[in-house]
Amino acid sequence: IASGSTALAERMLRTALTTAQSPAEASGAAAGLARLPNPPLAVLLPLLETGTPTVAGAVAQALVDAQGAEVTRGLAEASRYARGAFRVALLNLLAERGDALAGSAVREALSDPEEAVRTAAVTALGRLGSFADVPRLAAALGDPGRAPRAAAREALRLMSGTLVTRQLVLLAQQPASEALGLAPADQK
């Protein structure tokens, strides 16, 4: 798409979004905006946060499908400043996108005071993370909240393999492992 055509398409879709007479029209316009070569995140993210469930769902799916590292970077940056349910939604989007570029923002969310955010961060790290993230996921097994602990168990299960198992064994041999619930069985 030529830049002039893209700008025109964006203007038309923004107009369609603001004048939509039904949730279906708003959803279609939001999805069209998200599919542009450089989706206007400044327009789409507020819809994700405050739009009707239909519009927010259309925006979310379109952002999962949107191409490009810039979209991932924009979503990751937004997740750093978002709070509560909106941060959870952004972390879920990043996990669904599957782009490791989001790893830093996801790791930061592991220390969020809200249990739901930590749970989403653990889940996302399980999908986006690498072998180097096994200690972080193991540490989440000691989270005070039940949901982050369950998410950490599932993430480690999904990442299972010889290297992950070795890393967990090494962690279990460390003194802090008891606090993480990873002490060898004969020491429990």
Protein backbone atom coordinates (compact mmCIF):
# COMPACT_ATOMS: atom_id res chain seq x y z
CA ILE A 1 0.00 0.00 0.00
CA ALA A 2 1.39 3.40 -0.93
CA SER A 3 1.76 5.87 1.94
CA GLY A 4 -0.96 8.15 0.51
CA SER A 5 -3.34 5.20 0.27
CA THR A 6 -2.49 4.12 3.80
CA ALA A 7 -3.13 7.61 5.18
CA LEU A 8 -6.45 7.77 3.35
CA ALA A 9 -7.44 4.31 4.58
CA GLU A 10 -6.55 5.30 8.15
CA ARG A 11 -8.64 8.48 7.95
CA MET A 12 -11.59 6.58 6.53
CA LEU A 13 -11.36 3.86 9.17
CA ARG A 14 -11.06 6.41 12.00
CA THR A 15 -14.16 8.16 10.66
CA ALA A 16 -15.99 4.84 10.38
CA LEU A 17 -15.00 4.05 13.94
CA THR A 18 -16.25 7.33 15.39
CA THR A 19 -19.52 7.26 13.41
CA ALA A 20 -20.29 3.54 13.72
CA GLN A 21 -23.97 2.83 14.28
CA SER A 22 -23.47 -0.71 15.56
CA PRO A 23 -20.87 -2.76 17.40
CA ALA A 24 -20.28 -4.74 14.20
CA GLU A 25 -19.40 -1.57 12.28
CA ALA A 26 -17.11 -0.40 15.09
CA SER A 27 -15.47 -3.82 15.21
CA GLY A 28 -14.86 -3.83 11.49
CA ALA A 29 -13.31 -0.36 11.56
CA ALA A 30 -11.14 -1.22 14.59
CA ALA A 31 -9.97 -4.43 12.95
CA GLY A 32 -9.20 -2.52 9.74
CA LEU A 33 -7.09 0.00 11.68
CA ALA A 34 -5.16 -2.80 13.36
CA ARG A 35 -4.40 -4.36 9.98
CA LEU A 36 -2.78 -1.23 8.55
CA PRO A 37 0.98 -1.49 7.92
CA ASN A 38 1.65 0.73 10.95
CA PRO A 39 -1.42 0.34 13.15
CA PRO A 40 -2.28 3.52 15.10
CA LEU A 41 -1.84 2.13 18.61
CA ALA A 42 -2.79 5.50 20.11
CA VAL A 43 -6.27 4.95 18.66
CA LEU A 44 -6.53 1.21 19.18
CA LEU A 45 -5.28 0.81 22.75
CA PRO A 46 -8.01 2.97 24.30
CA LEU A 47 -10.56 0.84 22.43
CA LEU A 48 -8.98 -2.26 23.87
CA GLU A 49 -9.28 -0.77 27.35
CA THR A 50 -12.69 0.92 27.23
CA GLY A 51 -14.45 -0.29 24.10
CA THR A 52 -17.47 -2.56 24.09
CA PRO A 53 -16.59 -6.24 24.44
CA THR A 54 -17.22 -6.70 20.70
CA VAL A 55 -14.93 -3.84 19.70
CA ALA A 56 -12.25 -4.73 22.28
CA GLY A 57 -12.30 -8.33 21.08
CA ALA A 58 -11.93 -7.29 17.45
CA VAL A 59 -9.06 -4.96 18.31
CA ALA A 60 -7.35 -7.63 20.41
CA GLN A 61 -7.56 -10.26 17.66
CA ALA A 62 -6.38 -7.81 15.02
CA LEU A 63 -3.41 -6.80 17.20
CA VAL A 64 -2.49 -10.44 17.73
CA ASP A 65 -2.51 -10.88 13.95
CA ALA A 66 -0.82 -7.55 13.12
CA GLN A 67 2.58 -7.88 11.52
CA GLY A 68 5.77 -6.22 12.63
CA ALA A 69 8.11 -5.73 15.52
CA GLU A 70 6.88 -2.16 15.98
CA VAL A 71 3.49 -3.43 17.05
CA THR A 72 5.12 -5.73 19.62
CA ARG A 73 7.33 -2.90 20.87
CA GLY A 74 4.33 -0.57 21.15
CA LEU A 75 2.28 -3.12 23.07
CA ALA A 76 5.22 -3.94 25.35
CA GLU A 77 5.81 -0.27 26.09
CA ALA A 78 2.12 0.29 26.80
CA SER A 79 2.12 -2.70 29.17
CA ARG A 80 4.82 -1.05 31.27
CA TYR A 81 2.51 1.85 32.13
CA ALA A 82 -0.84 0.06 32.17
CA ARG A 83 -2.44 -1.09 35.40
CA GLY A 84 -4.86 -3.78 36.44
CA ALA A 85 -7.08 -5.49 33.91
CA PHE A 86 -5.69 -3.44 31.03
CA ARG A 87 -2.14 -4.58 31.83
CA VAL A 88 -3.40 -8.17 31.99
CA ALA A 89 -5.01 -7.74 28.55
CA LEU A 90 -1.78 -6.35 27.09
CA LEU A 91 0.32 -9.17 28.58
CA ASN A 92 -2.14 -11.71 27.15
CA LEU A 93 -1.86 -10.04 23.74
CA LEU A 94 1.93 -10.15 23.91
CA ALA A 95 1.82 -13.83 24.82
CA GLU A 96 -0.53 -14.58 21.93
CA ARG A 97 1.68 -12.65 19.50
CA GLY A 98 4.53 -14.95 20.52
CA ASP A 99 7.24 -12.36 19.87
CA ALA A 100 10.24 -12.64 22.21
CA LEU A 101 10.79 -8.88 21.81
CA ALA A 102 8.19 -8.49 24.56
CA GLY A 103 10.26 -10.46 27.07
CA SER A 104 11.63 -7.48 28.97
CA ALA A 105 8.21 -5.94 29.59
CA VAL A 106 6.81 -9.33 30.60
CA ARG A 107 9.67 -9.90 33.06
CA GLU A 108 9.02 -6.48 34.63
CA ALA A 109 5.39 -7.45 35.22
CA LEU A 110 6.44 -10.44 37.33
CA SER A 111 6.89 -8.07 40.28
CA ASP A 112 3.57 -6.23 39.89
CA PRO A 113 1.66 -5.94 43.17
CA GLU A 114 -1.54 -7.31 41.57
CA GLU A 115 -1.89 -11.07 41.50
CA ALA A 116 -3.78 -11.07 38.18
CA VAL A 117 -0.94 -9.16 36.50
CA ARG A 118 1.71 -11.50 37.92
CA THR A 119 -0.34 -14.46 36.72
CA ALA A 120 -0.57 -13.04 33.20
CA ALA A 121 3.16 -12.26 33.25
CA VAL A 122 4.06 -15.81 34.30
CA THR A 123 1.81 -17.23 31.61
CA ALA A 124 3.28 -14.91 28.99
CA LEU A 125 6.84 -15.72 30.05
CA GLY A 126 6.03 -19.40 29.72
CA ARG A 127 5.08 -18.76 26.09
CA LEU A 128 7.74 -16.19 25.20
CA GLY A 129 10.59 -17.08 27.51
CA SER A 130 13.63 -19.20 26.99
CA PHE A 131 15.75 -21.57 29.01
CA ALA A 132 17.24 -18.50 30.73
CA ASP A 133 13.78 -17.72 32.19
CA VAL A 134 13.44 -21.03 34.03
CA PRO A 135 14.77 -19.53 37.30
CA ARG A 136 12.19 -16.73 37.09
CA LEU A 137 9.40 -19.22 36.51
CA ALA A 138 10.72 -21.39 39.35
CA ALA A 139 10.74 -18.33 41.61
CA ALA A 140 7.08 -17.76 40.72
CA LEU A 141 6.34 -21.13 42.34
CA GLY A 142 6.89 -19.27 45.61
CA ASP A 143 4.48 -16.43 44.79
CA PRO A 144 2.05 -15.67 47.63
CA GLY A 145 -0.88 -15.97 45.20
CA ARG A 146 -2.30 -19.33 44.15
CA ALA A 147 -2.92 -18.30 40.51
CA PRO A 148 0.69 -17.23 39.76
CA ARG A 149 1.97 -20.47 41.32
CA ALA A 150 -0.40 -22.53 39.15
CA ALA A 151 0.62 -20.54 36.07
CA ALA A 152 4.29 -21.14 36.90
CA ARG A 153 3.73 -24.91 37.22
CA GLU A 154 1.95 -24.93 33.85
CA ALA A 155 4.61 -22.77 32.19
CA LEU A 156 7.40 -25.04 33.43
CA ARG A 157 5.44 -28.09 32.31
CA LEU A 158 5.07 -26.62 28.83
CA MET A 159 8.76 -25.74 28.71
CA SER A 160 9.73 -29.23 29.84
CA GLY A 161 12.71 -30.89 28.31
CA THR A 162 16.13 -32.13 29.31
CA LEU A 163 17.66 -28.66 29.67
CA VAL A 164 14.74 -27.32 31.70
CA THR A 165 14.81 -30.40 33.96
CA ARG A 166 18.56 -29.94 34.54
CA GLN A 167 18.02 -26.28 35.37
CA LEU A 168 15.28 -27.18 37.85
CA VAL A 169 17.50 -29.82 39.49
CA LEU A 170 20.25 -27.23 39.91
CA LEU A 171 17.77 -24.78 41.40
CA ALA A 172 16.49 -27.48 43.76
CA GLN A 173 20.00 -27.95 45.10
CA GLN A 174 20.31 -24.29 46.09
CA PRO A 175 19.40 -23.22 49.64
CA ALA A 176 16.64 -20.89 48.40
CA SER A 177 14.95 -23.85 46.74
CA GLU A 178 12.99 -24.70 49.87
CA ALA A 179 11.31 -21.29 49.71
CA LEU A 180 10.46 -22.02 46.09
CA GLY A 181 9.03 -25.45 46.92
CA LEU A 182 11.74 -27.16 44.89
CA ALA A 183 13.65 -29.01 47.62
CA PRO A 184 14.53 -32.61 46.76
CA ALA A 185 11.86 -35.03 47.94
CA ASP A 186 14.12 -36.65 50.59
CA GLN A 187 14.50 -33.26 52.32
CA LYS A 188 10.76 -32.58 52.63
